Amino acid sequence: MSIELFIPIAFKNIPGSNNTDGVILAGDIGGTKANICLSHYLEGNLQTIKESSYVTKDFSSFNDILTHFLEGQTQPDKICFSVAGPVIEGKVKFTNLSWQIDDDEISRYFGGRAVVILNDLESTAYGLAALKKEELSMLYAGTNETPGNIAILAAGTGLGEAGLFFNGHQYSPFATEGGHCDFAPRTARDIAMLTFLLGRHEHVSWERLLSGDGIYTIWQYLTQKEQKESPPWLLQQMENTDPAPVISKAAQEKTCPVCMEVIEMFNRYLATEAVNLILKLKATGGLYLAGGIAPKLLPLLNGNTWKDVFNKSGRMSQLLKEVTVYVVLNQKAPLMGATYYACLNM
């Protein structure tokens, strides 16, 4: 495919410049799975050679995945990985995985080739350049049509947050660890939720609620603290499996009122933390909801809830009305971001 920029990211090179040609190894390594892609980039065209997905818990290290993936394949010229954790001087200790990755170690693995490691939300921000219009779904229509800073919020195994600074012409992505900021209650019910969580955790961050585990946590609050009953068939389905997909499925099928309430609370909390991120970044250019959860729950993410939360945000409510909210439907945005970074920024 031909590389085109959906959003004008400030890459070092323009698509099609000769100094960007080569074999690209890119990966998106999260707490649950690792998506790896080997591509050939030539004169502005990107062709996939091989792409595979791995369950991270099935491997003792990232190098084991690389060895499995690259068996019999062409060695890459440029290497970029998206990782779920804070990247400090090319090193990362995963937030929701017991691995550590070091760019120097990976470079030695590849005989000294250049390696770049990006935070997964920074990579997602770069991945916005690779999107097509049909890979976005508008959740809330803001009034602003002028380019401005962009915010990204991604709920999945954890909660990731990032931004894109707009300089008047192009966007520069940057990572944050905002998902680990303190959960801030707005209502008496939120305070009860915070009290419930403080009985379990010394520190309560937004990630405790806006993640796969967070969906289950909200269900536990409703059933334990508010004494709401779930049907026996739901409890049976939740045994010995990840409860979040079970709860989400029951909410989508409207077969369990408690599960429907869980997702409504999740949606409201997502909108509330979105307000915090938008205001901190002055993201009048839009908010993009990425990660694995939002696209799956899209039919249940009520835009009216977002409108209500935006309208009840104090003195900055008028600014929030300007911000359009999109759901990123392409689950490969972080992988595409790492690929584009290797093609155009290395």
C-alpha atoms as a PDB file:
ATOM      1  CA  MET A   1       0.000   0.000   0.000  1.00  0.00           C
ATOM      2  CA  SER A   2       1.040   3.595  -0.552  1.00  0.00           C
ATOM      3  CA  ILE A   3       1.889   5.534   2.618  1.00  0.00           C
ATOM      4  CA  GLU A   4      -0.311   8.577   3.038  1.00  0.00           C
ATOM      5  CA  LEU A   5      -0.710  10.722   6.147  1.00  0.00           C
ATOM      6  CA  PHE A   6      -4.274  10.926   7.476  1.00  0.00           C
ATOM      7  CA  ILE A   7      -3.009  13.409  10.071  1.00  0.00           C
ATOM      8  CA  PRO A   8       0.097  15.521   9.285  1.00  0.00           C
ATOM      9  CA  ILE A   9       2.556  14.055  11.799  1.00  0.00           C
ATOM     10  CA  ALA A  10       5.947  15.790  12.010  1.00  0.00           C
ATOM     11  CA  PHE A  11       8.044  12.917  10.645  1.00  0.00           C
ATOM     12  CA  LYS A  12      11.687  13.573   9.666  1.00  0.00           C
ATOM     13  CA  ASN A  13      11.208  12.197   6.153  1.00  0.00           C
ATOM     14  CA  ILE A  14       8.393  12.515   3.645  1.00  0.00           C
ATOM     15  CA  PRO A  15       6.782   9.373   2.185  1.00  0.00           C
ATOM     16  CA  GLY A  16       8.647   8.203  -0.904  1.00  0.00           C
ATOM     17  CA  SER A  17      12.065   9.651  -0.071  1.00  0.00           C
ATOM     18  CA  ASN A  18      14.807   7.156  -1.005  1.00  0.00           C
ATOM     19  CA  ASN A  19      16.614   7.249   2.345  1.00  0.00           C
ATOM     20  CA  THR A  20      13.626   5.589   4.043  1.00  0.00           C
ATOM     21  CA  ASP A  21      13.625   2.381   1.940  1.00  0.00           C
ATOM     22  CA  GLY A  22      14.292  -0.992   3.592  1.00  0.00           C
ATOM     23  CA  VAL A  23      12.884  -3.928   5.542  1.00  0.00           C
ATOM     24  CA  ILE A  24      10.928  -2.796   8.605  1.00  0.00           C
ATOM     25  CA  LEU A  25      10.360  -4.822  11.781  1.00  0.00           C
ATOM     26  CA  ALA A  26       7.649  -3.362  13.977  1.00  0.00           C
ATOM     27  CA  GLY A  27       5.799  -4.660  16.983  1.00  0.00           C
ATOM     28  CA  ASP A  28       3.073  -3.753  19.459  1.00  0.00           C
ATOM     29  CA  ILE A  29       3.804  -5.509  22.753  1.00  0.00           C
ATOM     30  CA  GLY A  30       1.103  -5.239  25.379  1.00  0.00           C
ATOM     31  CA  GLY A  31       0.237  -6.908  28.648  1.00  0.00           C
ATOM     32  CA  THR A  32      -1.831  -9.582  26.919  1.00  0.00           C
ATOM     33  CA  LYS A  33      -0.473 -10.080  23.418  1.00  0.00           C
ATOM     34  CA  ALA A  34       2.321  -9.091  21.066  1.00  0.00           C
ATOM     35  CA  ASN A  35       1.614  -8.205  17.429  1.00  0.00           C
ATOM     36  CA  ILE A  36       4.695  -8.350  15.188  1.00  0.00           C
ATOM     37  CA  CYS A  37       4.963  -7.282  11.545  1.00  0.00           C
ATOM     38  CA  LEU A  38       7.760  -7.481   8.982  1.00  0.00           C
ATOM     39  CA  SER A  39       7.322  -5.149   6.006  1.00  0.00           C
ATOM     40  CA  HIS A  40       9.204  -3.974   2.940  1.00  0.00           C
ATOM     41  CA  TYR A  41       9.164  -0.224   2.345  1.00  0.00           C
ATOM     42  CA  LEU A  42      10.203   1.002  -1.099  1.00  0.00           C
ATOM     43  CA  GLU A  43       9.581   4.364  -2.754  1.00  0.00           C
ATOM     44  CA  GLY A  44       6.616   5.228  -0.574  1.00  0.00           C
ATOM     45  CA  ASN A  45       4.958   1.807  -0.777  1.00  0.00           C
ATOM     46  CA  LEU A  46       4.655  -0.544   2.175  1.00  0.00           C
ATOM     47  CA  GLN A  47       4.183  -4.274   1.614  1.00  0.00           C
ATOM     48  CA  THR A  48       3.648  -6.745   4.453  1.00  0.00           C
ATOM     49  CA  ILE A  49       6.008  -9.726   4.399  1.00  0.00           C
ATOM     50  CA  LYS A  50       4.756 -11.465   7.541  1.00  0.00           C
ATOM     51  CA  GLU A  51       2.466 -10.595  10.439  1.00  0.00           C
ATOM     52  CA  SER A  52       1.758 -12.680  13.557  1.00  0.00           C
ATOM     53  CA  SER A  53       0.155 -12.327  16.980  1.00  0.00           C
ATOM     54  CA  TYR A  54       1.420 -14.012  20.152  1.00  0.00           C
ATOM     55  CA  VAL A  55       0.025 -14.465  23.671  1.00  0.00           C
ATOM     56  CA  THR A  56       2.723 -12.904  25.843  1.00  0.00           C
ATOM     57  CA  LYS A  57       2.214 -15.226  28.817  1.00  0.00           C
ATOM     58  CA  ASP A  58       3.201 -18.169  26.599  1.00  0.00           C
ATOM     59  CA  PHE A  59       6.780 -16.826  26.306  1.00  0.00           C
ATOM     60  CA  SER A  60       9.414 -16.219  28.957  1.00  0.00           C
ATOM     61  CA  SER A  61      10.928 -13.214  27.164  1.00  0.00           C
ATOM     62  CA  PHE A  62      10.425 -10.925  24.187  1.00  0.00           C
ATOM     63  CA  ASN A  63      13.529 -12.351  22.506  1.00  0.00           C
ATOM     64  CA  ASP A  64      11.818 -15.747  22.422  1.00  0.00           C
ATOM     65  CA  ILE A  65       8.985 -14.210  20.406  1.00  0.00           C
ATOM     66  CA  LEU A  66      11.437 -12.535  18.032  1.00  0.00           C
ATOM     67  CA  THR A  67      13.303 -15.810  17.464  1.00  0.00           C
ATOM     68  CA  HIS A  68      10.041 -17.603  16.679  1.00  0.00           C
ATOM     69  CA  PHE A  69       8.767 -14.852  14.381  1.00  0.00           C
ATOM     70  CA  LEU A  70      11.961 -14.255  12.400  1.00  0.00           C
ATOM     71  CA  GLU A  71      12.825 -17.876  11.676  1.00  0.00           C
ATOM     72  CA  GLY A  72      13.565 -18.080   7.948  1.00  0.00           C
ATOM     73  CA  GLN A  73      12.821 -14.372   7.404  1.00  0.00           C
ATOM     74  CA  THR A  74      14.855 -11.482   5.978  1.00  0.00           C
ATOM     75  CA  GLN A  75      16.748  -9.538   8.634  1.00  0.00           C
ATOM     76  CA  PRO A  76      15.314  -6.036   9.154  1.00  0.00           C
ATOM     77  CA  ASP A  77      17.047  -2.749   8.402  1.00  0.00           C
ATOM     78  CA  LYS A  78      14.963  -0.656  10.830  1.00  0.00           C
ATOM     79  CA  ILE A  79      13.313  -1.793  14.053  1.00  0.00           C
ATOM     80  CA  CYS A  80      10.659  -0.061  16.147  1.00  0.00           C
ATOM     81  CA  PHE A  81       8.549  -1.494  18.955  1.00  0.00           C
ATOM     82  CA  SER A  82       5.538  -0.124  20.773  1.00  0.00           C
ATOM     83  CA  VAL A  83       5.481  -1.196  24.440  1.00  0.00           C
ATOM     84  CA  ALA A  84       2.974  -0.932  27.280  1.00  0.00           C
ATOM     85  CA  GLY A  85       4.940   0.988  29.878  1.00  0.00           C
ATOM     86  CA  PRO A  86       7.050   4.104  30.489  1.00  0.00           C
ATOM     87  CA  VAL A  87      10.120   4.169  28.231  1.00  0.00           C
ATOM     88  CA  ILE A  88      13.158   5.689  29.968  1.00  0.00           C
ATOM     89  CA  GLU A  89      16.368   5.968  27.924  1.00  0.00           C
ATOM     90  CA  GLY A  90      15.317   3.128  25.657  1.00  0.00           C
ATOM     91  CA  LYS A  91      14.378   0.789  28.479  1.00  0.00           C
ATOM     92  CA  VAL A  92      10.981  -0.302  29.745  1.00  0.00           C
ATOM     93  CA  LYS A  93       9.629  -2.447  32.531  1.00  0.00           C
ATOM     94  CA  PHE A  94       6.130  -3.410  31.526  1.00  0.00           C
ATOM     95  CA  THR A  95       3.304  -2.169  33.726  1.00  0.00           C
ATOM     96  CA  ASN A  96       1.134  -5.289  33.367  1.00  0.00           C
ATOM     97  CA  LEU A  97       3.776  -7.862  32.367  1.00  0.00           C
ATOM     98  CA  SER A  98       6.885  -9.232  34.121  1.00  0.00           C
ATOM     99  CA  TRP A  99       9.188  -8.509  31.163  1.00  0.00           C
ATOM    100  CA  GLN A 100      11.822  -5.857  30.644  1.00  0.00           C
ATOM    101  CA  ILE A 101      13.011  -4.627  27.233  1.00  0.00           C
ATOM    102  CA  ASP A 102      16.248  -2.764  26.497  1.00  0.00           C
ATOM    103  CA  ASP A 103      16.920  -1.147  23.110  1.00  0.00           C
ATOM    104  CA  ASP A 104      20.674  -1.814  23.430  1.00  0.00           C
ATOM    105  CA  GLU A 105      20.044  -5.499  24.091  1.00  0.00           C
ATOM    106  CA  ILE A 106      17.717  -5.762  21.092  1.00  0.00           C
ATOM    107  CA  SER A 107      20.234  -3.877  18.941  1.00  0.00           C
ATOM    108  CA  ARG A 108      22.893  -6.453  19.849  1.00  0.00           C
ATOM    109  CA  TYR A 109      20.400  -9.205  18.969  1.00  0.00           C
ATOM    110  CA  PHE A 110      20.204  -7.687  15.474  1.00  0.00           C
ATOM    111  CA  GLY A 111      23.938  -7.144  15.054  1.00  0.00           C
ATOM    112  CA  GLY A 112      24.011  -3.473  16.014  1.00  0.00           C
ATOM    113  CA  ARG A 113      21.079  -2.226  13.935  1.00  0.00           C
ATOM    114  CA  ALA A 114      19.246   0.872  15.169  1.00  0.00           C
ATOM    115  CA  VAL A 115      16.287   0.154  17.450  1.00  0.00           C
ATOM    116  CA  VAL A 116      13.639   2.573  18.746  1.00  0.00           C
ATOM    117  CA  ILE A 117      11.228   1.723  21.556  1.00  0.00           C
ATOM    118  CA  LEU A 118       8.081   3.841  21.885  1.00  0.00           C
ATOM    119  CA  ASN A 119       5.456   3.924  24.586  1.00  0.00           C
ATOM    120  CA  ASP A 120       2.348   2.230  23.186  1.00  0.00           C
ATOM    121  CA  LEU A 121       0.239   5.394  23.382  1.00  0.00           C
ATOM    122  CA  GLU A 122       2.909   7.471  21.687  1.00  0.00           C
ATOM    123  CA  SER A 123       2.964   4.794  18.992  1.00  0.00           C
ATOM    124  CA  THR A 124      -0.832   4.962  18.775  1.00  0.00           C
ATOM    125  CA  ALA A 125      -0.493   8.724  18.266  1.00  0.00           C
ATOM    126  CA  TYR A 126       1.890   8.118  15.360  1.00  0.00           C
ATOM    127  CA  GLY A 127      -0.583   5.497  14.140  1.00  0.00           C
ATOM    128  CA  LEU A 128      -3.254   8.151  13.626  1.00  0.00           C
ATOM    129  CA  ALA A 129      -1.296   9.081  10.502  1.00  0.00           C
ATOM    130  CA  ALA A 130      -2.054   5.626   9.089  1.00  0.00           C
ATOM    131  CA  LEU A 131      -5.815   5.680   9.651  1.00  0.00           C
ATOM    132  CA  LYS A 132      -8.535   5.909   7.051  1.00  0.00           C
ATOM    133  CA  LYS A 133     -11.674   7.960   7.605  1.00  0.00           C
ATOM    134  CA  GLU A 134     -13.829   4.832   7.802  1.00  0.00           C
ATOM    135  CA  GLU A 135     -11.677   3.551  10.684  1.00  0.00           C
ATOM    136  CA  LEU A 136     -13.095   6.230  12.967  1.00  0.00           C
ATOM    137  CA  SER A 137     -16.540   6.468  14.522  1.00  0.00           C
ATOM    138  CA  MET A 138     -17.728   9.806  15.924  1.00  0.00           C
ATOM    139  CA  LEU A 139     -19.093   9.483  19.458  1.00  0.00           C
ATOM    140  CA  TYR A 140     -19.637  13.166  20.219  1.00  0.00           C
ATOM    141  CA  ALA A 141     -19.691  16.045  17.738  1.00  0.00           C
ATOM    142  CA  GLY A 142     -17.888  19.150  18.967  1.00  0.00           C
ATOM    143  CA  THR A 143     -18.278  22.593  17.471  1.00  0.00           C
ATOM    144  CA  ASN A 144     -14.615  23.320  16.696  1.00  0.00           C
ATOM    145  CA  GLU A 145     -13.374  22.708  13.141  1.00  0.00           C
ATOM    146  CA  THR A 146      -9.952  24.354  13.567  1.00  0.00           C
ATOM    147  CA  PRO A 147      -6.867  22.128  14.071  1.00  0.00           C
ATOM    148  CA  GLY A 148      -5.500  22.033  17.610  1.00  0.00           C
ATOM    149  CA  ASN A 149      -3.830  19.745  20.120  1.00  0.00           C
ATOM    150  CA  ILE A 150      -5.166  16.172  20.179  1.00  0.00           C
ATOM    151  CA  ALA A 151      -5.678  13.828  23.146  1.00  0.00           C
ATOM    152  CA  ILE A 152      -5.678  10.018  23.048  1.00  0.00           C
ATOM    153  CA  LEU A 153      -7.261   7.816  25.707  1.00  0.00           C
ATOM    154  CA  ALA A 154      -6.908   4.037  25.409  1.00  0.00           C
ATOM    155  CA  ALA A 155      -8.582   1.574  27.762  1.00  0.00           C
ATOM    156  CA  GLY A 156      -7.564  -2.071  27.454  1.00  0.00           C
ATOM    157  CA  THR A 157      -5.431  -4.250  29.728  1.00  0.00           C
ATOM    158  CA  GLY A 158      -4.488  -0.927  31.321  1.00  0.00           C
ATOM    159  CA  LEU A 159      -5.290   2.743  30.692  1.00  0.00           C
ATOM    160  CA  GLY A 160      -3.011   4.698  28.377  1.00  0.00           C
ATOM    161  CA  GLU A 161      -2.975   8.416  27.647  1.00  0.00           C
ATOM    162  CA  ALA A 162      -1.033  10.518  25.144  1.00  0.00           C
ATOM    163  CA  GLY A 163      -1.169  13.773  23.254  1.00  0.00           C
ATOM    164  CA  LEU A 164      -0.227  15.370  19.955  1.00  0.00           C
ATOM    165  CA  PHE A 165       1.039  18.959  20.082  1.00  0.00           C
ATOM    166  CA  PHE A 166      -0.037  21.056  17.087  1.00  0.00           C
ATOM    167  CA  ASN A 167       2.495  23.718  16.033  1.00  0.00           C
ATOM    168  CA  GLY A 168       0.229  25.330  13.478  1.00  0.00           C
ATOM    169  CA  HIS A 169       1.289  22.993  10.675  1.00  0.00           C
ATOM    170  CA  GLN A 170       2.084  19.505  12.005  1.00  0.00           C
ATOM    171  CA  TYR A 171       1.516  17.269  15.018  1.00  0.00           C
ATOM    172  CA  SER A 172       4.190  15.953  17.397  1.00  0.00           C
ATOM    173  CA  PRO A 173       3.123  12.941  19.499  1.00  0.00           C
ATOM    174  CA  PHE A 174       4.221  12.530  23.112  1.00  0.00           C
ATOM    175  CA  ALA A 175       3.580   9.916  25.784  1.00  0.00           C
ATOM    176  CA  THR A 176       2.205  10.371  29.287  1.00  0.00           C
ATOM    177  CA  GLU A 177       1.441   8.066  32.201  1.00  0.00           C
ATOM    178  CA  GLY A 178      -1.788   9.877  33.003  1.00  0.00           C
ATOM    179  CA  GLY A 179      -3.736   6.645  33.425  1.00  0.00           C
ATOM    180  CA  HIS A 180      -1.969   6.229  36.764  1.00  0.00           C
ATOM    181  CA  CYS A 181      -3.154   9.596  38.120  1.00  0.00           C
ATOM    182  CA  ASP A 182      -5.528   9.613  41.070  1.00  0.00           C
ATOM    183  CA  PHE A 183      -9.147   8.665  40.514  1.00  0.00           C
ATOM    184  CA  ALA A 184     -11.147  11.830  41.266  1.00  0.00           C
ATOM    185  CA  PRO A 185     -14.767  11.340  42.403  1.00  0.00           C
ATOM    186  CA  ARG A 186     -17.451  13.798  41.319  1.00  0.00           C
ATOM    187  CA  THR A 187     -20.531  12.414  43.081  1.00  0.00           C
ATOM    188  CA  ALA A 188     -21.469  10.757  46.374  1.00  0.00           C
ATOM    189  CA  ARG A 189     -21.590   7.441  44.521  1.00  0.00           C
ATOM    190  CA  ASP A 190     -18.074   8.039  43.187  1.00  0.00           C
ATOM    191  CA  ILE A 191     -16.893   8.716  46.744  1.00  0.00           C
ATOM    192  CA  ALA A 192     -18.406   5.383  47.791  1.00  0.00           C
ATOM    193  CA  MET A 193     -16.543   3.756  44.908  1.00  0.00           C
ATOM    194  CA  LEU A 194     -13.283   5.368  46.038  1.00  0.00           C
ATOM    195  CA  THR A 195     -13.853   4.152  49.597  1.00  0.00           C
ATOM    196  CA  PHE A 196     -14.540   0.658  48.250  1.00  0.00           C
ATOM    197  CA  LEU A 197     -11.275   0.689  46.270  1.00  0.00           C
ATOM    198  CA  LEU A 198      -9.212   2.132  49.133  1.00  0.00           C
ATOM    199  CA  GLY A 199     -10.125  -1.010  51.036  1.00  0.00           C
ATOM    200  CA  ARG A 200      -8.134  -2.896  48.386  1.00  0.00           C
ATOM    201  CA  HIS A 201      -5.416  -0.537  47.173  1.00  0.00           C
ATOM    202  CA  GLU A 202      -3.139   2.000  48.795  1.00  0.00           C
ATOM    203  CA  HIS A 203      -3.370   4.135  45.663  1.00  0.00           C
ATOM    204  CA  VAL A 204      -6.458   4.314  43.440  1.00  0.00           C
ATOM    205  CA  SER A 205      -5.730   5.415  39.885  1.00  0.00           C
ATOM    206  CA  TRP A 206      -8.064   5.806  36.926  1.00  0.00           C
ATOM    207  CA  GLU A 207      -6.648   2.571  35.530  1.00  0.00           C
ATOM    208  CA  ARG A 208      -8.293   0.692  38.404  1.00  0.00           C
ATOM    209  CA  LEU A 209     -11.649   1.498  36.775  1.00  0.00           C
ATOM    210  CA  LEU A 210     -10.925   2.187  33.102  1.00  0.00           C
ATOM    211  CA  SER A 211      -9.510  -1.175  32.031  1.00  0.00           C
ATOM    212  CA  GLY A 212     -10.603  -4.772  31.618  1.00  0.00           C
ATOM    213  CA  ASP A 213     -10.042  -5.344  35.327  1.00  0.00           C
ATOM    214  CA  GLY A 214     -11.911  -2.096  35.955  1.00  0.00           C
ATOM    215  CA  ILE A 215     -15.089  -3.456  34.363  1.00  0.00           C
ATOM    216  CA  TYR A 216     -14.989  -6.363  36.803  1.00  0.00           C
ATOM    217  CA  THR A 217     -14.212  -3.971  39.679  1.00  0.00           C
ATOM    218  CA  ILE A 218     -17.295  -1.874  38.912  1.00  0.00           C
ATOM    219  CA  TRP A 219     -19.396  -5.075  38.864  1.00  0.00           C
ATOM    220  CA  GLN A 220     -17.942  -6.061  42.247  1.00  0.00           C
ATOM    221  CA  TYR A 221     -18.796  -2.640  43.659  1.00  0.00           C
ATOM    222  CA  LEU A 222     -22.400  -2.855  42.473  1.00  0.00           C
ATOM    223  CA  THR A 223     -22.910  -6.397  43.738  1.00  0.00           C
ATOM    224  CA  GLN A 224     -20.983  -6.107  47.011  1.00  0.00           C
ATOM    225  CA  LYS A 225     -21.377  -2.480  48.075  1.00  0.00           C
ATOM    226  CA  GLU A 226     -24.812  -1.710  46.594  1.00  0.00           C
ATOM    227  CA  GLN A 227     -26.049  -5.300  46.999  1.00  0.00           C
ATOM    228  CA  LYS A 228     -27.327  -5.635  43.445  1.00  0.00           C
ATOM    229  CA  GLU A 229     -28.022  -9.173  42.312  1.00  0.00           C
ATOM    230  CA  SER A 230     -26.630 -10.876  39.227  1.00  0.00           C
ATOM    231  CA  PRO A 231     -28.379 -13.907  37.687  1.00  0.00           C
ATOM    232  CA  PRO A 232     -26.915 -17.355  38.514  1.00  0.00           C
ATOM    233  CA  TRP A 233     -26.102 -18.026  34.842  1.00  0.00           C
ATOM    234  CA  LEU A 234     -23.846 -14.962  34.783  1.00  0.00           C
ATOM    235  CA  LEU A 235     -21.948 -16.100  37.880  1.00  0.00           C
ATOM    236  CA  GLN A 236     -21.518 -19.524  36.303  1.00  0.00           C
ATOM    237  CA  GLN A 237     -20.148 -18.031  33.077  1.00  0.00           C
ATOM    238  CA  MET A 238     -17.702 -15.862  35.053  1.00  0.00           C
ATOM    239  CA  GLU A 239     -16.120 -18.853  36.797  1.00  0.00           C
ATOM    240  CA  ASN A 240     -12.569 -19.701  35.693  1.00  0.00           C
ATOM    241  CA  THR A 241     -12.458 -17.042  32.961  1.00  0.00           C
ATOM    242  CA  ASP A 242     -11.853 -13.325  32.454  1.00  0.00           C
ATOM    243  CA  PRO A 243     -15.095 -11.792  33.785  1.00  0.00           C
ATOM    244  CA  ALA A 244     -14.905  -8.520  31.814  1.00  0.00           C
ATOM    245  CA  PRO A 245     -15.914  -9.996  28.405  1.00  0.00           C
ATOM    246  CA  VAL A 246     -18.753 -11.902  30.085  1.00  0.00           C
ATOM    247  CA  ILE A 247     -20.074  -8.714  31.685  1.00  0.00           C
ATOM    248  CA  SER A 248     -19.674  -6.753  28.454  1.00  0.00           C
ATOM    249  CA  LYS A 249     -21.462  -9.404  26.390  1.00  0.00           C
ATOM    250  CA  ALA A 250     -24.380  -9.546  28.829  1.00  0.00           C
ATOM    251  CA  ALA A 251     -24.640  -5.742  28.698  1.00  0.00           C
ATOM    252  CA  GLN A 252     -24.635  -5.712  24.898  1.00  0.00           C
ATOM    253  CA  GLU A 253     -27.291  -8.417  24.748  1.00  0.00           C
ATOM    254  CA  LYS A 254     -29.309  -6.616  27.461  1.00  0.00           C
ATOM    255  CA  THR A 255     -29.705  -9.842  29.416  1.00  0.00           C
ATOM    256  CA  CYS A 256     -28.402  -8.534  32.762  1.00  0.00           C
ATOM    257  CA  PRO A 257     -29.428  -5.143  34.220  1.00  0.00           C
ATOM    258  CA  VAL A 258     -26.425  -5.038  36.544  1.00  0.00           C
ATOM    259  CA  CYS A 259     -24.028  -5.564  33.637  1.00  0.00           C
ATOM    260  CA  MET A 260     -25.755  -2.800  31.695  1.00  0.00           C
ATOM    261  CA  GLU A 261     -25.272  -0.510  34.687  1.00  0.00           C
ATOM    262  CA  VAL A 262     -21.583  -1.508  34.867  1.00  0.00           C
ATOM    263  CA  ILE A 263     -20.990  -0.364  31.296  1.00  0.00           C
ATOM    264  CA  GLU A 264     -22.940   2.860  31.830  1.00  0.00           C
ATOM    265  CA  MET A 265     -20.732   3.647  34.847  1.00  0.00           C
ATOM    266  CA  PHE A 266     -17.658   2.724  32.812  1.00  0.00           C
ATOM    267  CA  ASN A 267     -18.789   5.074  30.029  1.00  0.00           C
ATOM    268  CA  ARG A 268     -19.348   7.923  32.487  1.00  0.00           C
ATOM    269  CA  TYR A 269     -15.951   7.401  34.102  1.00  0.00           C
ATOM    270  CA  LEU A 270     -14.339   7.302  30.661  1.00  0.00           C
ATOM    271  CA  ALA A 271     -15.948  10.648  29.797  1.00  0.00           C
ATOM    272  CA  THR A 272     -14.901  12.114  33.151  1.00  0.00           C
ATOM    273  CA  GLU A 273     -11.229  11.204  32.750  1.00  0.00           C
ATOM    274  CA  ALA A 274     -11.430  12.363  29.132  1.00  0.00           C
ATOM    275  CA  VAL A 275     -12.411  15.801  30.435  1.00  0.00           C
ATOM    276  CA  ASN A 276      -9.322  15.835  32.674  1.00  0.00           C
ATOM    277  CA  LEU A 277      -7.019  14.918  29.781  1.00  0.00           C
ATOM    278  CA  ILE A 278      -8.629  17.334  27.310  1.00  0.00           C
ATOM    279  CA  LEU A 279      -8.289  20.250  29.709  1.00  0.00           C
ATOM    280  CA  LYS A 280      -4.685  19.458  30.642  1.00  0.00           C
ATOM    281  CA  LEU A 281      -3.685  19.296  26.978  1.00  0.00           C
ATOM    282  CA  LYS A 282      -6.156  21.945  25.746  1.00  0.00           C
ATOM    283  CA  ALA A 283      -7.054  19.324  23.140  1.00  0.00           C
ATOM    284  CA  THR A 284      -9.440  21.352  20.990  1.00  0.00           C
ATOM    285  CA  GLY A 285      -8.330  19.280  17.984  1.00  0.00           C
ATOM    286  CA  GLY A 286     -10.221  16.265  19.259  1.00  0.00           C
ATOM    287  CA  LEU A 287     -10.137  13.249  21.555  1.00  0.00           C
ATOM    288  CA  TYR A 288      -9.452   9.793  20.117  1.00  0.00           C
ATOM    289  CA  LEU A 289     -10.560   6.725  22.088  1.00  0.00           C
ATOM    290  CA  ALA A 290      -8.220   3.865  21.211  1.00  0.00           C
ATOM    291  CA  GLY A 291      -7.426   0.551  22.912  1.00  0.00           C
ATOM    292  CA  GLY A 292      -9.329  -2.699  22.857  1.00  0.00           C
ATOM    293  CA  ILE A 293     -12.404  -1.819  24.923  1.00  0.00           C
ATOM    294  CA  ALA A 294     -14.013   1.235  23.285  1.00  0.00           C
ATOM    295  CA  PRO A 295     -14.517  -0.332  19.808  1.00  0.00           C
ATOM    296  CA  LYS A 296     -16.078  -3.458  21.338  1.00  0.00           C
ATOM    297  CA  LEU A 297     -18.435  -1.410  23.493  1.00  0.00           C
ATOM    298  CA  LEU A 298     -19.210   1.191  20.837  1.00  0.00           C
ATOM    299  CA  PRO A 299     -22.980   0.457  20.663  1.00  0.00           C
ATOM    300  CA  LEU A 300     -23.152   1.039  24.441  1.00  0.00           C
ATOM    301  CA  LEU A 301     -21.007   4.192  24.624  1.00  0.00           C
ATOM    302  CA  ASN A 302     -23.809   6.702  24.903  1.00  0.00           C
ATOM    303  CA  GLY A 303     -22.891  10.074  23.422  1.00  0.00           C
ATOM    304  CA  ASN A 304     -25.531  11.745  25.587  1.00  0.00           C
ATOM    305  CA  THR A 305     -23.578  10.664  28.668  1.00  0.00           C
ATOM    306  CA  TRP A 306     -20.520  12.407  27.257  1.00  0.00           C
ATOM    307  CA  LYS A 307     -22.557  15.532  26.553  1.00  0.00           C
ATOM    308  CA  ASP A 308     -23.839  15.503  30.131  1.00  0.00           C
ATOM    309  CA  VAL A 309     -20.348  15.062  31.602  1.00  0.00           C
ATOM    310  CA  PHE A 310     -18.924  17.802  29.367  1.00  0.00           C
ATOM    311  CA  ASN A 311     -21.740  20.173  30.327  1.00  0.00           C
ATOM    312  CA  LYS A 312     -21.148  19.574  34.046  1.00  0.00           C
ATOM    313  CA  SER A 313     -17.440  20.392  34.009  1.00  0.00           C
ATOM    314  CA  GLY A 314     -17.523  23.809  35.582  1.00  0.00           C
ATOM    315  CA  ARG A 315     -16.023  26.916  34.045  1.00  0.00           C
ATOM    316  CA  MET A 316     -14.438  25.054  31.126  1.00  0.00           C
ATOM    317  CA  SER A 317     -17.666  23.439  29.906  1.00  0.00           C
ATOM    318  CA  GLN A 318     -17.795  25.795  26.941  1.00  0.00           C
ATOM    319  CA  LEU A 319     -14.324  24.738  25.788  1.00  0.00           C
ATOM    320  CA  LEU A 320     -15.279  21.068  26.101  1.00  0.00           C
ATOM    321  CA  LYS A 321     -18.263  21.591  23.811  1.00  0.00           C
ATOM    322  CA  GLU A 322     -15.779  22.360  21.031  1.00  0.00           C
ATOM    323  CA  VAL A 323     -14.068  18.941  21.253  1.00  0.00           C
ATOM    324  CA  THR A 324     -15.120  16.115  18.925  1.00  0.00           C
ATOM    325  CA  VAL A 325     -14.711  12.581  20.299  1.00  0.00           C
ATOM    326  CA  TYR A 326     -13.826   9.691  17.987  1.00  0.00           C
ATOM    327  CA  VAL A 327     -13.499   5.954  18.580  1.00  0.00           C
ATOM    328  CA  VAL A 328     -10.546   4.398  16.744  1.00  0.00           C
ATOM    329  CA  LEU A 329     -11.880   1.196  15.171  1.00  0.00           C
ATOM    330  CA  ASN A 330      -8.539  -0.060  13.833  1.00  0.00           C
ATOM    331  CA  GLN A 331      -6.986  -2.190  16.574  1.00  0.00           C
ATOM    332  CA  LYS A 332      -3.631  -2.096  14.791  1.00  0.00           C
ATOM    333  CA  ALA A 333      -3.047   1.636  15.297  1.00  0.00           C
ATOM    334  CA  PRO A 334      -0.058   1.102  17.669  1.00  0.00           C
ATOM    335  CA  LEU A 335       1.508  -1.409  15.263  1.00  0.00           C
ATOM    336  CA  MET A 336       0.991   0.922  12.312  1.00  0.00           C
ATOM    337  CA  GLY A 337       2.444   3.761  14.373  1.00  0.00           C
ATOM    338  CA  ALA A 338       5.619   1.774  15.038  1.00  0.00           C
ATOM    339  CA  THR A 339       5.809   0.851  11.350  1.00  0.00           C
ATOM    340  CA  TYR A 340       5.348   4.444  10.181  1.00  0.00           C
ATOM    341  CA  TYR A 341       7.901   5.651  12.731  1.00  0.00           C
ATOM    342  CA  ALA A 342      10.493   3.177  11.414  1.00  0.00           C
ATOM    343  CA  CYS A 343       9.730   4.125   7.803  1.00  0.00           C
ATOM    344  CA  LEU A 344       9.707   7.890   8.191  1.00  0.00           C
ATOM    345  CA  ASN A 345      11.551   8.768  11.410  1.00  0.00           C
ATOM    346  CA  MET A 346      14.631   6.502  11.448  1.00  0.00           C
END
